Amino acid sequence: MADDGSLDKRSVVVQPADGPSYWQPVPANGYSHVKLSGADTGAANLASGFQHIAPGGHVRAHSHADQFEILTCFQGRGRVVVDGESHTFVPGTTAFLGHNVRHEIINESDVELVMQWLISPPGLDEFFAAIGRPRHPGEPAPEPFARPDDVVAVESNMGFRDVGS
């Protein structure tokens, strides 16, 4: 979708329960909640949402070949490891991750680590749907579940690189 000027004066406001949400497999557990995608905004160049990483969970190390990402921690305490360098990840910490920057997010607290992600161009919104299970706000978390058998192909098709365990 190209920006042909149709975004002039366009705005979208979403409420806390709005947008698709997906339970995430191990090792992250928790869930991701997509707040804005091109389908919502008409903008083909970004998507945004929140990821809730369960206590002791982590987002596996990876990079994005053609995307940049901004992460902001809102709740919990952990680490963001960027190209091998560990940084404290606490409410207010923000990280910019350019193309091919390997990164991992680790929840070291006994509460959910909640972070907002913004990615350009989009893809995380589709990735979470492909590997997760639909979630409805307020329902209890499922037992931890494995990633799909085709997760390597899904990651590759979505531009993920250097994926760790």
Protein backbone atom coordinates (compact mmCIF):
# COMPACT_ATOMS: atom_id res chain seq x y z
CA MET A 1 0.00 0.00 0.00
CA ALA A 2 1.62 3.27 -1.06
CA ASP A 3 1.11 6.58 0.68
CA ASP A 4 -0.70 8.51 -2.04
CA GLY A 5 -1.66 11.40 0.20
CA SER A 6 -4.63 9.49 1.62
CA LEU A 7 -3.04 9.78 5.06
CA ASP A 8 -3.55 13.55 5.18
CA LYS A 9 -5.68 14.30 8.23
CA ARG A 10 -6.06 10.55 8.93
CA SER A 11 -6.06 9.44 12.54
CA VAL A 12 -6.89 6.26 14.38
CA VAL A 13 -7.48 5.90 18.12
CA VAL A 14 -7.66 2.42 19.60
CA GLN A 15 -8.79 1.51 23.08
CA PRO A 16 -7.04 -0.96 25.43
CA ALA A 17 -9.00 -4.04 24.32
CA ASP A 18 -8.95 -3.14 20.60
CA GLY A 19 -6.82 -5.06 18.14
CA PRO A 20 -5.91 -8.71 17.71
CA SER A 21 -4.04 -10.43 20.50
CA TYR A 22 -2.09 -13.70 20.45
CA TRP A 23 -0.76 -16.01 23.15
CA GLN A 24 2.93 -16.61 22.47
CA PRO A 25 4.77 -19.93 22.61
CA VAL A 26 7.80 -20.76 24.74
CA PRO A 27 10.26 -19.28 25.54
CA ALA A 28 8.47 -15.89 25.66
CA ASN A 29 5.10 -17.18 26.85
CA GLY A 30 2.83 -14.24 27.62
CA TYR A 31 1.10 -12.55 24.71
CA SER A 32 1.35 -9.88 22.08
CA HIS A 33 -1.38 -7.34 21.40
CA VAL A 34 -1.27 -5.67 17.98
CA LYS A 35 -2.56 -2.11 18.30
CA LEU A 36 -1.95 -0.56 14.88
CA SER A 37 -1.22 -2.12 11.51
CA GLY A 38 -1.54 -0.96 7.92
CA ALA A 39 -5.04 -2.42 7.83
CA ASP A 40 -6.04 0.01 10.61
CA THR A 41 -4.13 3.12 9.59
CA GLY A 42 -3.76 2.91 5.82
CA ALA A 43 -0.02 3.39 6.36
CA ALA A 44 1.97 0.57 4.80
CA ASN A 45 5.18 1.45 6.56
CA LEU A 46 4.65 0.68 10.25
CA ALA A 47 2.93 -1.43 12.88
CA SER A 48 2.82 -1.14 16.65
CA GLY A 49 1.70 -3.11 19.65
CA PHE A 50 2.55 -4.40 23.10
CA GLN A 51 4.27 -7.61 24.11
CA HIS A 52 3.77 -9.12 27.55
CA ILE A 53 6.63 -11.48 28.40
CA ALA A 54 5.89 -13.90 31.23
CA PRO A 55 8.11 -13.97 34.34
CA GLY A 56 11.29 -15.86 33.45
CA GLY A 57 10.43 -15.72 29.73
CA HIS A 58 12.44 -14.20 26.94
CA VAL A 59 12.25 -13.19 23.31
CA ARG A 60 14.88 -15.23 21.50
CA ALA A 61 17.85 -13.42 20.04
CA HIS A 62 17.22 -12.37 16.44
CA SER A 63 17.69 -9.55 13.96
CA HIS A 64 15.54 -8.09 11.20
CA ALA A 65 17.08 -7.87 7.73
CA ASP A 66 14.93 -5.07 6.36
CA GLN A 67 13.13 -3.59 9.36
CA PHE A 68 13.97 -1.22 12.17
CA GLU A 69 12.34 -1.53 15.54
CA ILE A 70 11.80 0.67 18.59
CA LEU A 71 11.15 -1.00 21.96
CA THR A 72 10.00 0.79 25.12
CA CYS A 73 9.65 -0.97 28.48
CA PHE A 74 6.53 -0.06 30.50
CA GLN A 75 6.45 -2.68 33.29
CA GLY A 76 8.73 -5.23 34.86
CA ARG A 77 12.48 -5.52 34.89
CA GLY A 78 14.84 -7.31 32.62
CA ARG A 79 17.58 -6.94 30.08
CA VAL A 80 17.78 -6.14 26.42
CA VAL A 81 20.89 -7.65 24.87
CA VAL A 82 21.93 -5.73 21.75
CA ASP A 83 24.69 -7.21 19.60
CA GLY A 84 26.04 -9.00 22.68
CA GLU A 85 25.92 -5.99 25.01
CA SER A 86 23.51 -6.28 27.93
CA HIS A 87 21.45 -3.25 29.00
CA THR A 88 19.02 -2.84 31.88
CA PHE A 89 15.43 -2.85 30.57
CA VAL A 90 13.11 -1.09 33.03
CA PRO A 91 10.10 1.21 32.63
CA GLY A 92 11.15 4.11 30.44
CA THR A 93 14.06 2.31 28.76
CA THR A 94 13.81 2.73 24.98
CA ALA A 95 15.91 0.95 22.36
CA PHE A 96 16.28 1.70 18.65
CA LEU A 97 17.31 -1.38 16.66
CA GLY A 98 18.36 -0.86 13.05
CA HIS A 99 18.65 -3.41 10.26
CA ASN A 100 20.60 -6.56 11.17
CA VAL A 101 21.01 -5.61 14.85
CA ARG A 102 20.80 -8.83 16.89
CA HIS A 103 18.69 -8.37 20.01
CA GLU A 104 17.08 -10.39 22.79
CA ILE A 105 14.68 -9.35 25.57
CA ILE A 106 14.81 -11.20 28.91
CA ASN A 107 12.28 -10.84 31.73
CA GLU A 108 14.17 -11.08 35.02
CA SER A 109 11.25 -10.08 37.25
CA ASP A 110 8.42 -11.96 38.91
CA VAL A 111 5.80 -9.94 36.98
CA GLU A 112 5.11 -9.60 33.28
CA LEU A 113 7.59 -7.49 31.38
CA VAL A 114 5.47 -5.24 29.18
CA MET A 115 7.00 -3.40 26.26
CA GLN A 116 5.69 -1.48 23.31
CA TRP A 117 7.14 -2.30 19.89
CA LEU A 118 7.03 -0.19 16.78
CA ILE A 119 8.41 -1.71 13.59
CA SER A 120 8.89 -0.43 10.07
CA PRO A 121 8.03 -1.86 7.68
CA PRO A 122 5.42 -4.06 9.38
CA GLY A 123 5.75 -7.77 9.91
CA LEU A 124 5.67 -8.45 13.64
CA ASP A 125 1.89 -8.20 13.57
CA GLU A 126 1.76 -11.05 11.05
CA PHE A 127 4.51 -13.01 12.83
CA PHE A 128 2.61 -13.02 16.14
CA ALA A 129 -0.50 -14.30 14.38
CA ALA A 130 1.49 -17.02 12.57
CA ILE A 131 3.19 -18.47 15.66
CA GLY A 132 0.64 -17.70 18.37
CA ARG A 133 -2.86 -18.65 19.35
CA PRO A 134 -5.76 -16.16 19.37
CA ARG A 135 -6.22 -14.51 22.77
CA HIS A 136 -9.31 -12.83 24.16
CA PRO A 137 -8.80 -10.17 26.86
CA GLY A 138 -9.49 -11.47 30.34
CA GLU A 139 -9.11 -15.17 29.58
CA PRO A 140 -6.60 -17.16 31.63
CA ALA A 141 -3.21 -17.92 30.10
CA PRO A 142 -2.91 -21.34 28.51
CA GLU A 143 -0.31 -23.88 29.59
CA PRO A 144 3.02 -23.09 27.92
CA PHE A 145 3.03 -24.40 24.35
CA ALA A 146 5.69 -25.10 21.75
CA ARG A 147 6.45 -22.98 18.73
CA PRO A 148 4.91 -24.32 15.49
CA ASP A 149 6.90 -26.95 13.58
CA ASP A 150 7.43 -24.52 10.69
CA VAL A 151 8.69 -21.64 12.90
CA VAL A 152 12.06 -21.45 11.09
CA ALA A 153 10.31 -20.99 7.73
CA VAL A 154 7.91 -18.44 9.24
CA GLU A 155 10.81 -16.47 10.73
CA SER A 156 12.75 -16.58 7.48
CA ASN A 157 9.73 -15.43 5.44
CA MET A 158 9.18 -12.54 7.89
CA GLY A 159 12.80 -11.30 7.56
CA PHE A 160 14.10 -12.63 10.87
CA ARG A 161 17.81 -13.45 10.86
CA ASP A 162 20.34 -14.80 13.36
CA VAL A 163 17.61 -16.46 15.46
CA GLY A 164 18.81 -18.02 18.73
CA SER A 165 17.18 -20.45 21.11
